[in-house]
Amino acid sequence: MPQPVLTTAEVKAMVMEQLNVSKVAYGTFDGSPLWKDDFIDDCIFQGDIDVVKCISRAPGHPRRDEYGLDLSVINTPGVRVLLSGSNHHFGEPVSVYITRNDDLVVEGKTAPAQKITEWLLDKASYGGDDCVDGYYSCKDSHFIFSGKTALVRVLQVAPHTLSDTGLYAPFENKITVYRLAMAELLKKDPGRKQDAADFRTDADKDLAMIMGVDAKMTPSIEAYNQSR
């Protein structure tokens, strides 16, 4: 069955209620001077993107490939190129398919960039195309491969605009987007700093679970990233 879409309005209704600016009806905004409408949207959108970032960094996540983007075919073997096509892709490629010089398409295997350069400068000494083709290296978004062409798939997310009615995170992560937004919004209220910290702690546990980290052993997502 199709996956339900998480809407901005759904999360915003929860946020408004928690901020106590829904005095008229659930999910409405009564013009609080502390939290402007656009700022609330911005915090929701940022929480949404933070969830997607964690999914993109979690190999094996069942929803991960939904954020994939196939870049333009690369046809410059042996030349380091900066991966482009999206200014919002995260980390290393999720898949690389290389067309060898014999036109066989294979899944790319990783090798040091310097080795690939050496092999291509003197193919005969390393067994020719049959032995050399099908390798790639990607570091800091700089990509090099051996073969004829390469098709690279990366994970990406586009920036939000204030007119967006839908979010990118899966519907099942609705509570996490809400908690991330609340953690940021409540920092503006001097009397609710502890509430902001509590929301952030709960959000960090959610993000750790998305990434497959033991939330009991890792107090925050920042600590996990520092340990990588």
C-alpha atoms as a PDB file:
ATOM      1  CA  MET A   1       0.000   0.000   0.000  1.00  0.00           C
ATOM      2  CA  PRO A   2       1.211   3.581  -0.630  1.00  0.00           C
ATOM      3  CA  GLN A   3       3.036   5.212   2.280  1.00  0.00           C
ATOM      4  CA  PRO A   4       1.125   8.125   3.839  1.00  0.00           C
ATOM      5  CA  VAL A   5       2.624  11.580   3.320  1.00  0.00           C
ATOM      6  CA  LEU A   6       3.564  13.630   6.367  1.00  0.00           C
ATOM      7  CA  THR A   7       2.169  17.146   5.997  1.00  0.00           C
ATOM      8  CA  THR A   8       3.483  20.386   7.425  1.00  0.00           C
ATOM      9  CA  ALA A   9       0.033  21.139   8.860  1.00  0.00           C
ATOM     10  CA  GLU A  10      -0.055  17.926  10.901  1.00  0.00           C
ATOM     11  CA  VAL A  11       3.191  18.681  12.691  1.00  0.00           C
ATOM     12  CA  LYS A  12       2.370  22.378  13.026  1.00  0.00           C
ATOM     13  CA  ALA A  13      -0.916  21.586  14.767  1.00  0.00           C
ATOM     14  CA  MET A  14       0.984  19.619  17.403  1.00  0.00           C
ATOM     15  CA  VAL A  15       3.574  22.371  17.790  1.00  0.00           C
ATOM     16  CA  MET A  16       0.952  25.106  18.179  1.00  0.00           C
ATOM     17  CA  GLU A  17      -0.882  23.145  20.853  1.00  0.00           C
ATOM     18  CA  GLN A  18       2.323  22.543  22.823  1.00  0.00           C
ATOM     19  CA  LEU A  19       3.330  26.212  22.551  1.00  0.00           C
ATOM     20  CA  ASN A  20      -0.092  27.105  23.970  1.00  0.00           C
ATOM     21  CA  VAL A  21      -0.936  29.345  21.025  1.00  0.00           C
ATOM     22  CA  SER A  22      -3.987  27.295  20.059  1.00  0.00           C
ATOM     23  CA  LYS A  23      -6.466  28.931  22.410  1.00  0.00           C
ATOM     24  CA  VAL A  24      -9.244  29.135  19.806  1.00  0.00           C
ATOM     25  CA  ALA A  25      -8.931  25.719  18.164  1.00  0.00           C
ATOM     26  CA  TYR A  26      -6.419  22.919  17.863  1.00  0.00           C
ATOM     27  CA  GLY A  27      -3.677  23.835  15.394  1.00  0.00           C
ATOM     28  CA  THR A  28      -4.567  27.514  15.046  1.00  0.00           C
ATOM     29  CA  PHE A  29      -2.215  30.464  15.560  1.00  0.00           C
ATOM     30  CA  ASP A  30      -3.281  33.450  17.662  1.00  0.00           C
ATOM     31  CA  GLY A  31      -0.396  35.822  16.912  1.00  0.00           C
ATOM     32  CA  SER A  32       1.984  35.212  19.815  1.00  0.00           C
ATOM     33  CA  PRO A  33       4.757  37.823  19.788  1.00  0.00           C
ATOM     34  CA  LEU A  34       7.265  35.193  20.931  1.00  0.00           C
ATOM     35  CA  TRP A  35       6.852  32.731  18.074  1.00  0.00           C
ATOM     36  CA  LYS A  36       6.241  34.174  14.622  1.00  0.00           C
ATOM     37  CA  ASP A  37       4.443  31.981  12.123  1.00  0.00           C
ATOM     38  CA  ASP A  38       7.337  31.768   9.651  1.00  0.00           C
ATOM     39  CA  PHE A  39       9.798  30.927  12.423  1.00  0.00           C
ATOM     40  CA  ILE A  40       7.615  28.028  13.509  1.00  0.00           C
ATOM     41  CA  ASP A  41       7.584  26.744   9.919  1.00  0.00           C
ATOM     42  CA  ASP A  42      11.362  27.111   9.641  1.00  0.00           C
ATOM     43  CA  CYS A  43      11.915  25.035  12.791  1.00  0.00           C
ATOM     44  CA  ILE A  44       9.566  22.309  11.529  1.00  0.00           C
ATOM     45  CA  PHE A  45      11.326  22.231   8.156  1.00  0.00           C
ATOM     46  CA  GLN A  46      14.758  22.013   9.789  1.00  0.00           C
ATOM     47  CA  GLY A  47      13.599  19.178  12.035  1.00  0.00           C
ATOM     48  CA  ASP A  48      12.274  17.408   8.948  1.00  0.00           C
ATOM     49  CA  ILE A  49      15.628  17.707   7.142  1.00  0.00           C
ATOM     50  CA  ASP A  50      17.513  16.531  10.242  1.00  0.00           C
ATOM     51  CA  VAL A  51      15.433  13.343  10.257  1.00  0.00           C
ATOM     52  CA  VAL A  52      16.183  12.730   6.569  1.00  0.00           C
ATOM     53  CA  LYS A  53      19.902  13.289   7.188  1.00  0.00           C
ATOM     54  CA  CYS A  54      19.849  10.534   9.798  1.00  0.00           C
ATOM     55  CA  ILE A  55      18.002   8.167   7.469  1.00  0.00           C
ATOM     56  CA  SER A  56      20.576   8.889   4.759  1.00  0.00           C
ATOM     57  CA  ARG A  57      23.387   7.970   7.154  1.00  0.00           C
ATOM     58  CA  ALA A  58      21.792   4.680   8.179  1.00  0.00           C
ATOM     59  CA  PRO A  59      22.716   1.894   5.715  1.00  0.00           C
ATOM     60  CA  GLY A  60      19.934  -0.665   5.581  1.00  0.00           C
ATOM     61  CA  HIS A  61      17.168   1.729   6.594  1.00  0.00           C
ATOM     62  CA  PRO A  62      14.048   0.572   4.686  1.00  0.00           C
ATOM     63  CA  ARG A  63      13.151   4.108   3.562  1.00  0.00           C
ATOM     64  CA  ARG A  64      16.689   5.227   2.678  1.00  0.00           C
ATOM     65  CA  ASP A  65      16.572   4.740  -1.067  1.00  0.00           C
ATOM     66  CA  GLU A  66      13.523   7.002  -1.345  1.00  0.00           C
ATOM     67  CA  TYR A  67      15.943   9.919  -1.063  1.00  0.00           C
ATOM     68  CA  GLY A  68      18.211   8.698  -3.862  1.00  0.00           C
ATOM     69  CA  LEU A  69      19.230  10.761  -6.866  1.00  0.00           C
ATOM     70  CA  ASP A  70      20.968   9.388  -9.980  1.00  0.00           C
ATOM     71  CA  LEU A  71      23.599  11.865 -11.136  1.00  0.00           C
ATOM     72  CA  SER A  72      24.452  12.450 -14.784  1.00  0.00           C
ATOM     73  CA  VAL A  73      26.542   9.685 -16.366  1.00  0.00           C
ATOM     74  CA  ILE A  74      30.273  10.255 -15.808  1.00  0.00           C
ATOM     75  CA  ASN A  75      32.395   9.458 -18.869  1.00  0.00           C
ATOM     76  CA  THR A  76      35.851  10.633 -17.744  1.00  0.00           C
ATOM     77  CA  PRO A  77      37.698   7.547 -16.429  1.00  0.00           C
ATOM     78  CA  GLY A  78      40.864   8.308 -14.519  1.00  0.00           C
ATOM     79  CA  VAL A  79      39.898  11.931 -13.927  1.00  0.00           C
ATOM     80  CA  ARG A  80      38.890  13.185 -10.485  1.00  0.00           C
ATOM     81  CA  VAL A  81      35.539  14.946 -10.737  1.00  0.00           C
ATOM     82  CA  LEU A  82      33.466  16.706  -8.109  1.00  0.00           C
ATOM     83  CA  LEU A  83      30.091  15.023  -7.836  1.00  0.00           C
ATOM     84  CA  SER A  84      27.390  17.490  -8.769  1.00  0.00           C
ATOM     85  CA  GLY A  85      23.755  17.570  -9.735  1.00  0.00           C
ATOM     86  CA  SER A  86      22.533  18.290  -6.232  1.00  0.00           C
ATOM     87  CA  ASN A  87      23.851  20.719  -3.659  1.00  0.00           C
ATOM     88  CA  HIS A  88      22.119  18.744  -0.953  1.00  0.00           C
ATOM     89  CA  HIS A  89      23.450  15.228  -1.224  1.00  0.00           C
ATOM     90  CA  PHE A  90      24.828  13.575   1.887  1.00  0.00           C
ATOM     91  CA  GLY A  91      28.007  11.591   2.280  1.00  0.00           C
ATOM     92  CA  GLU A  92      29.336   8.885   0.025  1.00  0.00           C
ATOM     93  CA  PRO A  93      27.498   7.373  -2.964  1.00  0.00           C
ATOM     94  CA  VAL A  94      24.926   4.719  -2.125  1.00  0.00           C
ATOM     95  CA  SER A  95      25.598   2.871  -5.377  1.00  0.00           C
ATOM     96  CA  VAL A  96      28.020   3.014  -8.299  1.00  0.00           C
ATOM     97  CA  TYR A  97      27.478   1.079 -11.555  1.00  0.00           C
ATOM     98  CA  ILE A  98      30.351   1.056 -14.025  1.00  0.00           C
ATOM     99  CA  THR A  99      30.210   0.149 -17.708  1.00  0.00           C
ATOM    100  CA  ARG A 100      33.483  -1.574 -18.515  1.00  0.00           C
ATOM    101  CA  ASN A 101      35.299  -1.194 -21.812  1.00  0.00           C
ATOM    102  CA  ASP A 102      33.805  -4.533 -22.922  1.00  0.00           C
ATOM    103  CA  ASP A 103      30.336  -2.938 -22.292  1.00  0.00           C
ATOM    104  CA  LEU A 104      29.610  -5.179 -19.322  1.00  0.00           C
ATOM    105  CA  VAL A 105      27.855  -3.250 -16.528  1.00  0.00           C
ATOM    106  CA  VAL A 106      29.150  -4.114 -13.071  1.00  0.00           C
ATOM    107  CA  GLU A 107      28.678  -2.812  -9.551  1.00  0.00           C
ATOM    108  CA  GLY A 108      31.721  -0.703  -8.763  1.00  0.00           C
ATOM    109  CA  LYS A 109      34.323  -1.907  -6.269  1.00  0.00           C
ATOM    110  CA  THR A 110      36.282   0.548  -4.151  1.00  0.00           C
ATOM    111  CA  ALA A 111      40.029   1.049  -4.483  1.00  0.00           C
ATOM    112  CA  PRO A 112      42.444   3.830  -3.500  1.00  0.00           C
ATOM    113  CA  ALA A 113      42.349   6.745  -5.922  1.00  0.00           C
ATOM    114  CA  GLN A 114      46.123   6.600  -6.406  1.00  0.00           C
ATOM    115  CA  LYS A 115      45.940   2.932  -7.374  1.00  0.00           C
ATOM    116  CA  ILE A 116      43.250   3.630  -9.959  1.00  0.00           C
ATOM    117  CA  THR A 117      45.453   6.326 -11.456  1.00  0.00           C
ATOM    118  CA  GLU A 118      48.449   3.962 -11.580  1.00  0.00           C
ATOM    119  CA  TRP A 119      46.430   1.177 -13.207  1.00  0.00           C
ATOM    120  CA  LEU A 120      45.067   3.428 -15.928  1.00  0.00           C
ATOM    121  CA  LEU A 121      48.489   4.900 -16.735  1.00  0.00           C
ATOM    122  CA  ASP A 122      49.882   1.419 -17.448  1.00  0.00           C
ATOM    123  CA  LYS A 123      47.002  -0.995 -18.006  1.00  0.00           C
ATOM    124  CA  ALA A 124      49.182  -3.620 -19.675  1.00  0.00           C
ATOM    125  CA  SER A 125      51.300  -4.079 -16.557  1.00  0.00           C
ATOM    126  CA  TYR A 126      48.205  -4.760 -14.480  1.00  0.00           C
ATOM    127  CA  GLY A 127      46.459  -7.212 -16.793  1.00  0.00           C
ATOM    128  CA  GLY A 128      44.610  -4.832 -19.153  1.00  0.00           C
ATOM    129  CA  ASP A 129      41.012  -3.689 -19.102  1.00  0.00           C
ATOM    130  CA  ASP A 130      39.723  -7.027 -17.851  1.00  0.00           C
ATOM    131  CA  CYS A 131      41.638  -6.628 -14.579  1.00  0.00           C
ATOM    132  CA  VAL A 132      41.585  -2.859 -14.211  1.00  0.00           C
ATOM    133  CA  ASP A 133      37.987  -1.902 -15.049  1.00  0.00           C
ATOM    134  CA  GLY A 134      35.205  -1.565 -12.490  1.00  0.00           C
ATOM    135  CA  TYR A 135      36.855   0.282  -9.606  1.00  0.00           C
ATOM    136  CA  TYR A 136      36.138   3.675  -8.071  1.00  0.00           C
ATOM    137  CA  SER A 137      37.131   5.955  -5.224  1.00  0.00           C
ATOM    138  CA  CYS A 138      35.124   8.772  -3.668  1.00  0.00           C
ATOM    139  CA  LYS A 139      36.484  11.053  -0.968  1.00  0.00           C
ATOM    140  CA  ASP A 140      35.068  14.438  -0.012  1.00  0.00           C
ATOM    141  CA  SER A 141      32.722  14.153  -3.017  1.00  0.00           C
ATOM    142  CA  HIS A 142      35.673  13.813  -5.427  1.00  0.00           C
ATOM    143  CA  PHE A 143      35.093  10.766  -7.617  1.00  0.00           C
ATOM    144  CA  ILE A 144      37.418   8.765  -9.881  1.00  0.00           C
ATOM    145  CA  PHE A 145      36.793   5.435 -11.623  1.00  0.00           C
ATOM    146  CA  SER A 146      38.156   2.914 -14.111  1.00  0.00           C
ATOM    147  CA  GLY A 147      36.076   1.704 -17.059  1.00  0.00           C
ATOM    148  CA  LYS A 148      34.079   3.461 -19.772  1.00  0.00           C
ATOM    149  CA  THR A 149      31.273   5.245 -17.895  1.00  0.00           C
ATOM    150  CA  ALA A 150      29.924   5.395 -14.342  1.00  0.00           C
ATOM    151  CA  LEU A 151      26.432   5.972 -12.948  1.00  0.00           C
ATOM    152  CA  VAL A 152      26.466   7.245  -9.375  1.00  0.00           C
ATOM    153  CA  ARG A 153      23.482   7.394  -7.028  1.00  0.00           C
ATOM    154  CA  VAL A 154      23.633   9.722  -4.005  1.00  0.00           C
ATOM    155  CA  LEU A 155      21.218  10.567  -1.212  1.00  0.00           C
ATOM    156  CA  GLN A 156      19.754  14.043  -1.353  1.00  0.00           C
ATOM    157  CA  VAL A 157      17.080  16.357  -0.064  1.00  0.00           C
ATOM    158  CA  ALA A 158      16.004  19.717  -1.454  1.00  0.00           C
ATOM    159  CA  PRO A 159      15.660  22.788   0.762  1.00  0.00           C
ATOM    160  CA  HIS A 160      12.198  23.748   1.963  1.00  0.00           C
ATOM    161  CA  THR A 161      10.304  26.880   1.044  1.00  0.00           C
ATOM    162  CA  LEU A 162       7.731  28.463   3.327  1.00  0.00           C
ATOM    163  CA  SER A 163       4.973  27.442   0.900  1.00  0.00           C
ATOM    164  CA  ASP A 164       5.712  23.711   1.240  1.00  0.00           C
ATOM    165  CA  THR A 165       2.674  21.750   2.392  1.00  0.00           C
ATOM    166  CA  GLY A 166       4.468  18.409   2.662  1.00  0.00           C
ATOM    167  CA  LEU A 167       7.514  17.204   4.574  1.00  0.00           C
ATOM    168  CA  TYR A 168      10.226  14.777   3.438  1.00  0.00           C
ATOM    169  CA  ALA A 169      10.456  12.586   6.539  1.00  0.00           C
ATOM    170  CA  PRO A 170       8.436   9.341   6.605  1.00  0.00           C
ATOM    171  CA  PHE A 171       5.059   9.555   8.320  1.00  0.00           C
ATOM    172  CA  GLU A 172       6.268   7.264  11.095  1.00  0.00           C
ATOM    173  CA  ASN A 173       8.827   9.892  12.134  1.00  0.00           C
ATOM    174  CA  LYS A 174       6.188  12.561  12.770  1.00  0.00           C
ATOM    175  CA  ILE A 175       6.866  12.690  16.524  1.00  0.00           C
ATOM    176  CA  THR A 176      10.598  13.135  15.924  1.00  0.00           C
ATOM    177  CA  VAL A 177      10.102  16.121  13.616  1.00  0.00           C
ATOM    178  CA  TYR A 178       7.775  17.590  16.256  1.00  0.00           C
ATOM    179  CA  ARG A 179      10.297  17.077  19.058  1.00  0.00           C
ATOM    180  CA  LEU A 180      13.129  18.646  17.062  1.00  0.00           C
ATOM    181  CA  ALA A 181      11.004  21.686  16.243  1.00  0.00           C
ATOM    182  CA  MET A 182       9.921  22.087  19.855  1.00  0.00           C
ATOM    183  CA  ALA A 183      13.497  21.843  21.137  1.00  0.00           C
ATOM    184  CA  GLU A 184      14.449  24.833  18.979  1.00  0.00           C
ATOM    185  CA  LEU A 185      11.315  26.877  19.531  1.00  0.00           C
ATOM    186  CA  LEU A 186      11.303  26.616  23.321  1.00  0.00           C
ATOM    187  CA  LYS A 187      14.819  28.045  23.533  1.00  0.00           C
ATOM    188  CA  LYS A 188      13.166  31.433  22.946  1.00  0.00           C
ATOM    189  CA  ASP A 189      11.167  31.215  26.164  1.00  0.00           C
ATOM    190  CA  PRO A 190      13.400  31.779  29.239  1.00  0.00           C
ATOM    191  CA  GLY A 191      10.883  29.970  31.392  1.00  0.00           C
ATOM    192  CA  ARG A 192      10.893  26.793  29.290  1.00  0.00           C
ATOM    193  CA  LYS A 193      14.595  26.069  28.819  1.00  0.00           C
ATOM    194  CA  GLN A 194      14.276  22.755  30.659  1.00  0.00           C
ATOM    195  CA  ASP A 195      11.357  21.768  28.435  1.00  0.00           C
ATOM    196  CA  ALA A 196      13.544  22.544  25.409  1.00  0.00           C
ATOM    197  CA  ALA A 197      16.306  20.307  26.793  1.00  0.00           C
ATOM    198  CA  ASP A 198      13.827  17.488  27.447  1.00  0.00           C
ATOM    199  CA  PHE A 199      12.487  17.674  23.901  1.00  0.00           C
ATOM    200  CA  ARG A 200      16.051  17.586  22.539  1.00  0.00           C
ATOM    201  CA  THR A 201      16.928  14.551  24.654  1.00  0.00           C
ATOM    202  CA  ASP A 202      13.889  12.658  23.389  1.00  0.00           C
ATOM    203  CA  ALA A 203      14.626  13.730  19.808  1.00  0.00           C
ATOM    204  CA  ASP A 204      18.238  12.554  20.101  1.00  0.00           C
ATOM    205  CA  LYS A 205      17.026   9.130  21.247  1.00  0.00           C
ATOM    206  CA  ASP A 206      14.730   8.967  18.224  1.00  0.00           C
ATOM    207  CA  LEU A 207      17.541   9.939  15.850  1.00  0.00           C
ATOM    208  CA  ALA A 208      19.876   7.394  17.413  1.00  0.00           C
ATOM    209  CA  MET A 209      17.292   4.658  16.831  1.00  0.00           C
ATOM    210  CA  ILE A 210      16.887   5.746  13.190  1.00  0.00           C
ATOM    211  CA  MET A 211      20.643   5.383  12.742  1.00  0.00           C
ATOM    212  CA  GLY A 212      20.736   2.029  14.523  1.00  0.00           C
ATOM    213  CA  VAL A 213      22.554   3.299  17.600  1.00  0.00           C
ATOM    214  CA  ASP A 214      21.797   2.131  21.146  1.00  0.00           C
ATOM    215  CA  ALA A 215      20.083   5.182  22.624  1.00  0.00           C
ATOM    216  CA  LYS A 216      20.895   4.030  26.167  1.00  0.00           C
ATOM    217  CA  MET A 217      24.605   4.021  25.422  1.00  0.00           C
ATOM    218  CA  THR A 218      24.645   7.248  23.397  1.00  0.00           C
ATOM    219  CA  PRO A 219      23.253  10.345  25.125  1.00  0.00           C
ATOM    220  CA  SER A 220      23.109  12.462  21.982  1.00  0.00           C
ATOM    221  CA  ILE A 221      23.459  12.264  18.243  1.00  0.00           C
ATOM    222  CA  GLU A 222      26.359  14.704  18.503  1.00  0.00           C
ATOM    223  CA  ALA A 223      28.296  12.246  20.649  1.00  0.00           C
ATOM    224  CA  TYR A 224      27.719   9.523  18.081  1.00  0.00           C
ATOM    225  CA  ASN A 225      28.954  11.685  15.231  1.00  0.00           C
ATOM    226  CA  GLN A 226      32.074  12.627  17.187  1.00  0.00           C
ATOM    227  CA  SER A 227      32.893   8.961  17.685  1.00  0.00           C
ATOM    228  CA  ARG A 228      32.707   8.034  13.991  1.00  0.00           C
END
